[in-house]
Amino acid sequence: MEKNMGIALILVVSAAVLLIGVLGRKAAYLLRFLTRMVIGGIAIHLTNSVLASLGIAWSVGLNLISLFLVGSLGIGGFGMLYAILLYINL
């Protein structure tokens, strides 16, 4: 499974680099979006890990919707995901 994940990651990064090259001027916007999306995904994973180690069984799923939300809204999207999770579980 790790090999498939590595291949998928290489394909996604390669596609992103090609897309940035094709878009030209809009590359800065796309690069900013992709950077926020990757950092947001890592932050969600780390936050879920910390919550699990503390014995809290709440976690935000890592899927295209949550990554798109964090990529487009940044820190606000990250906070909104966990605020929704908190609201649902209270």
Protein backbone atom coordinates (compact mmCIF):
# COMPACT_ATOMS: atom_id res chain seq x y z
CA MET A 1 0.00 0.00 0.00
CA GLU A 2 2.89 2.39 0.71
CA LYS A 3 4.23 1.93 -2.82
CA ASN A 4 0.85 2.87 -4.32
CA MET A 5 0.64 5.94 -2.10
CA GLY A 6 4.12 7.04 -3.19
CA ILE A 7 3.25 6.59 -6.85
CA ALA A 8 0.02 8.56 -6.39
CA LEU A 9 1.89 11.38 -4.63
CA ILE A 10 4.48 11.56 -7.42
CA LEU A 11 1.71 11.70 -10.04
CA VAL A 12 -0.15 14.46 -8.20
CA VAL A 13 2.98 16.57 -7.75
CA SER A 14 3.96 16.06 -11.40
CA ALA A 15 0.49 17.04 -12.59
CA ALA A 16 0.58 20.14 -10.37
CA VAL A 17 3.96 21.21 -11.78
CA LEU A 18 2.73 20.72 -15.36
CA LEU A 19 -0.47 22.64 -14.64
CA ILE A 20 1.48 25.51 -13.10
CA GLY A 21 3.70 25.66 -16.18
CA VAL A 22 0.71 25.74 -18.52
CA LEU A 23 -1.23 28.40 -16.65
CA GLY A 24 1.51 31.02 -16.72
CA ARG A 25 0.23 34.12 -14.90
CA LYS A 26 -2.30 32.27 -12.83
CA ALA A 27 0.42 29.96 -11.57
CA ALA A 28 0.93 32.06 -8.45
CA TYR A 29 -2.71 31.63 -7.44
CA LEU A 30 -2.63 27.90 -8.11
CA LEU A 31 0.67 27.49 -6.28
CA ARG A 32 -0.72 29.36 -3.27
CA PHE A 33 -3.85 27.16 -3.30
CA LEU A 34 -1.84 23.94 -3.58
CA THR A 35 0.55 25.03 -0.83
CA ARG A 36 -2.33 25.80 1.54
CA MET A 37 -3.96 22.51 0.60
CA VAL A 38 -0.83 20.45 1.36
CA ILE A 39 -0.05 22.31 4.59
CA GLY A 40 -3.71 22.09 5.62
CA GLY A 41 -3.75 18.34 4.97
CA ILE A 42 -0.64 17.88 7.09
CA ALA A 43 -2.14 20.06 9.84
CA ILE A 44 -5.38 18.05 9.82
CA HIS A 45 -3.44 14.80 10.04
CA LEU A 46 -1.28 16.08 12.91
CA THR A 47 -4.28 17.50 14.78
CA ASN A 48 -6.14 14.21 14.40
CA SER A 49 -3.07 12.36 15.70
CA VAL A 50 -2.76 14.65 18.73
CA LEU A 51 -6.47 14.28 19.52
CA ALA A 52 -6.18 10.49 19.23
CA SER A 53 -3.14 10.42 21.53
CA LEU A 54 -5.10 12.44 24.09
CA GLY A 55 -7.89 9.87 23.95
CA ILE A 56 -10.34 12.13 22.12
CA ALA A 57 -12.10 10.12 19.42
CA TRP A 58 -12.88 13.11 17.18
CA SER A 59 -11.23 13.48 13.81
CA VAL A 60 -11.78 15.43 10.63
CA GLY A 61 -11.66 13.24 7.55
CA LEU A 62 -9.01 13.85 4.94
CA ASN A 63 -10.86 13.92 1.64
CA LEU A 64 -11.11 16.16 -1.40
CA ILE A 65 -13.80 18.35 0.15
CA SER A 66 -11.83 19.10 3.33
CA LEU A 67 -8.60 19.65 1.36
CA PHE A 68 -10.37 21.96 -1.09
CA LEU A 69 -11.90 23.88 1.81
CA VAL A 70 -8.56 24.31 3.56
CA GLY A 71 -6.86 25.15 0.26
CA SER A 72 -9.32 27.88 -0.59
CA LEU A 73 -9.94 29.33 2.90
CA GLY A 74 -6.59 28.66 4.58
CA ILE A 75 -6.46 28.77 8.38
CA GLY A 76 -10.09 29.86 8.52
CA GLY A 77 -11.13 26.68 6.70
CA PHE A 78 -9.04 24.58 9.07
CA GLY A 79 -10.69 26.21 12.06
CA MET A 80 -14.12 25.87 10.50
CA LEU A 81 -13.68 22.12 10.01
CA TYR A 82 -12.83 21.61 13.67
CA ALA A 83 -15.58 24.03 14.77
CA ILE A 84 -18.12 21.97 12.81
CA LEU A 85 -16.71 18.81 14.38
CA LEU A 86 -17.03 20.35 17.84
CA TYR A 87 -20.60 21.53 17.13
CA ILE A 88 -21.67 18.09 15.90
CA ASN A 89 -20.18 16.27 18.90
CA LEU A 90 -21.56 18.53 21.61
